[in-house]
Each structure stands twice: as structure tokens, then as C-alpha cells.
Protein backbone atom coordinates (compact mmCIF):
# COMPACT_ATOMS: atom_id res chain seq x y z
CA MET A 1 22.20 34.12 -43.81
CA VAL A 2 25.85 34.02 -42.82
CA ALA A 3 29.07 34.16 -44.87
CA ASP A 4 29.92 30.45 -44.40
CA PHE A 5 29.69 28.13 -47.37
CA TYR A 6 27.34 25.20 -46.79
CA HIS A 7 28.71 21.66 -46.58
CA PRO A 8 26.48 18.85 -45.30
CA ASN A 9 29.29 17.47 -43.13
CA ALA A 10 30.74 20.79 -42.00
CA TYR A 11 31.10 19.75 -38.36
CA GLU A 12 33.16 16.71 -39.36
CA LEU A 13 35.70 18.66 -41.47
CA ALA A 14 39.07 19.87 -40.21
CA SER A 15 37.88 23.49 -40.43
CA ALA A 16 35.35 22.80 -37.65
CA THR A 17 38.11 22.50 -35.08
CA ALA A 18 39.89 25.73 -36.04
CA PRO A 19 39.60 28.56 -33.52
CA ASN A 20 36.81 30.97 -34.54
CA SER A 21 36.06 28.83 -37.60
CA ALA A 22 34.37 30.44 -40.57
CA GLY A 23 33.34 27.08 -41.98
CA PRO A 24 34.75 25.12 -44.89
CA SER A 25 36.66 26.89 -47.63
CA GLU A 26 35.04 27.55 -50.99
CA LYS A 27 37.25 24.84 -52.53
CA VAL A 28 36.00 22.23 -50.04
CA ALA A 29 32.34 23.31 -49.94
CA ILE A 30 31.60 23.79 -53.63
CA PRO A 31 31.86 20.75 -55.91
CA PRO A 32 33.58 21.29 -59.29
CA GLY A 33 31.05 22.40 -61.90
CA ALA A 34 28.41 23.37 -59.34
CA LYS A 35 25.82 25.72 -60.81
CA VAL A 36 24.54 26.89 -57.45
CA ILE A 37 26.58 28.17 -54.50
CA TYR A 38 25.01 27.48 -51.14
CA LYS A 39 25.57 29.55 -48.03
CA VAL A 40 24.48 28.74 -44.48
CA THR A 41 21.29 30.08 -43.00
CA LYS A 42 20.82 29.91 -39.25
CA GLY A 43 18.09 30.78 -36.85
CA GLY A 44 14.41 31.44 -36.88
CA SER A 45 11.72 32.72 -39.18
CA PHE A 46 8.64 34.71 -38.34
CA LEU A 47 6.67 32.46 -40.70
CA CYS A 48 7.23 29.20 -38.82
CA SER A 49 5.99 27.71 -35.59
CA ASP A 50 7.95 25.29 -33.39
CA VAL A 51 5.76 22.45 -34.62
CA TRP A 52 5.88 23.10 -38.35
CA CYS A 53 9.40 24.28 -39.34
CA LYS A 54 12.24 22.43 -37.63
CA GLY A 55 14.70 23.96 -40.13
CA TYR A 56 13.97 27.51 -39.03
CA GLN A 57 14.27 27.08 -35.26
CA PRO A 58 16.88 29.30 -33.58
CA GLY A 59 19.50 26.54 -33.36
CA SER A 60 19.05 25.23 -36.89
CA ARG A 61 21.60 25.28 -39.70
CA GLN A 62 20.67 24.66 -43.32
CA GLN A 63 21.63 25.54 -46.87
CA ILE A 64 20.24 28.39 -48.90
CA ASP A 65 20.90 29.39 -52.49
CA ASN A 66 23.09 32.47 -52.45
CA GLU A 67 20.81 34.22 -54.95
CA SER A 68 17.34 33.08 -53.89
CA PRO A 69 15.27 35.85 -52.38
CA SER A 70 13.15 35.10 -49.37
CA ASN A 71 11.21 37.57 -47.30
CA HIS A 72 11.81 35.61 -44.11
CA THR A 73 15.59 35.16 -44.39
CA GLY A 74 17.74 37.91 -42.98
CA PHE A 75 21.43 38.45 -42.51
CA ARG A 76 23.74 39.18 -39.62
CA CYS A 77 25.99 42.21 -39.58
CA VAL A 78 29.29 41.37 -37.94
CA MET A 79 32.72 42.87 -37.63
CA ASP A 80 36.07 41.31 -36.76
CA VAL A 81 37.45 42.86 -33.62
CA VAL A 82 41.20 42.96 -33.16
CA ALA A 83 42.35 42.95 -29.54
CA ALA A 84 44.55 45.86 -28.50
CA GLU A 85 48.11 44.85 -27.80
């Protein structure tokens, strides 16, 4: 699971062309009155084979409920690195 909000057309939005894009903003990604906030999940799962789960292959991108537990969904630890001037 990554910090990006899920939007089905994320690669077509203006945010997709921004350098080092973090995905669409919360305002763009979450419809007014939405009861569930979806984040992006990327990558593989130890439960799936290449034949069975296309959504969990290493290059995949799909939505996941921010609060739904799953024993085969992990997270990525990242840190912004500021270049020395």
C-alpha cells in the first residue's frame, strides 16, 4: 500500500505529469460524500500465481480500502531525500 489516493483515471490527470508525482490530490480522488477512502496498492502477493491474480502482479496498480486488513498487503517505507546544495 502506498500513500497515493486511488483514482481510476490517475494517469490521465494533470497530476500524472508533475515531476515526482504523488498521485491525485484528496480533493480530486475522493468524491463528495464518499464513505470509503481508497489508497493505491501496488505489486505482488505471496498468495497469487501469475495465472490467477493479475491484480497482484509486480507491475499492477489497484484500489484498496484504507481500513481493510489483509494479510497479504504490505506497505513501503520511504523517505523524501533533499539534495545538498
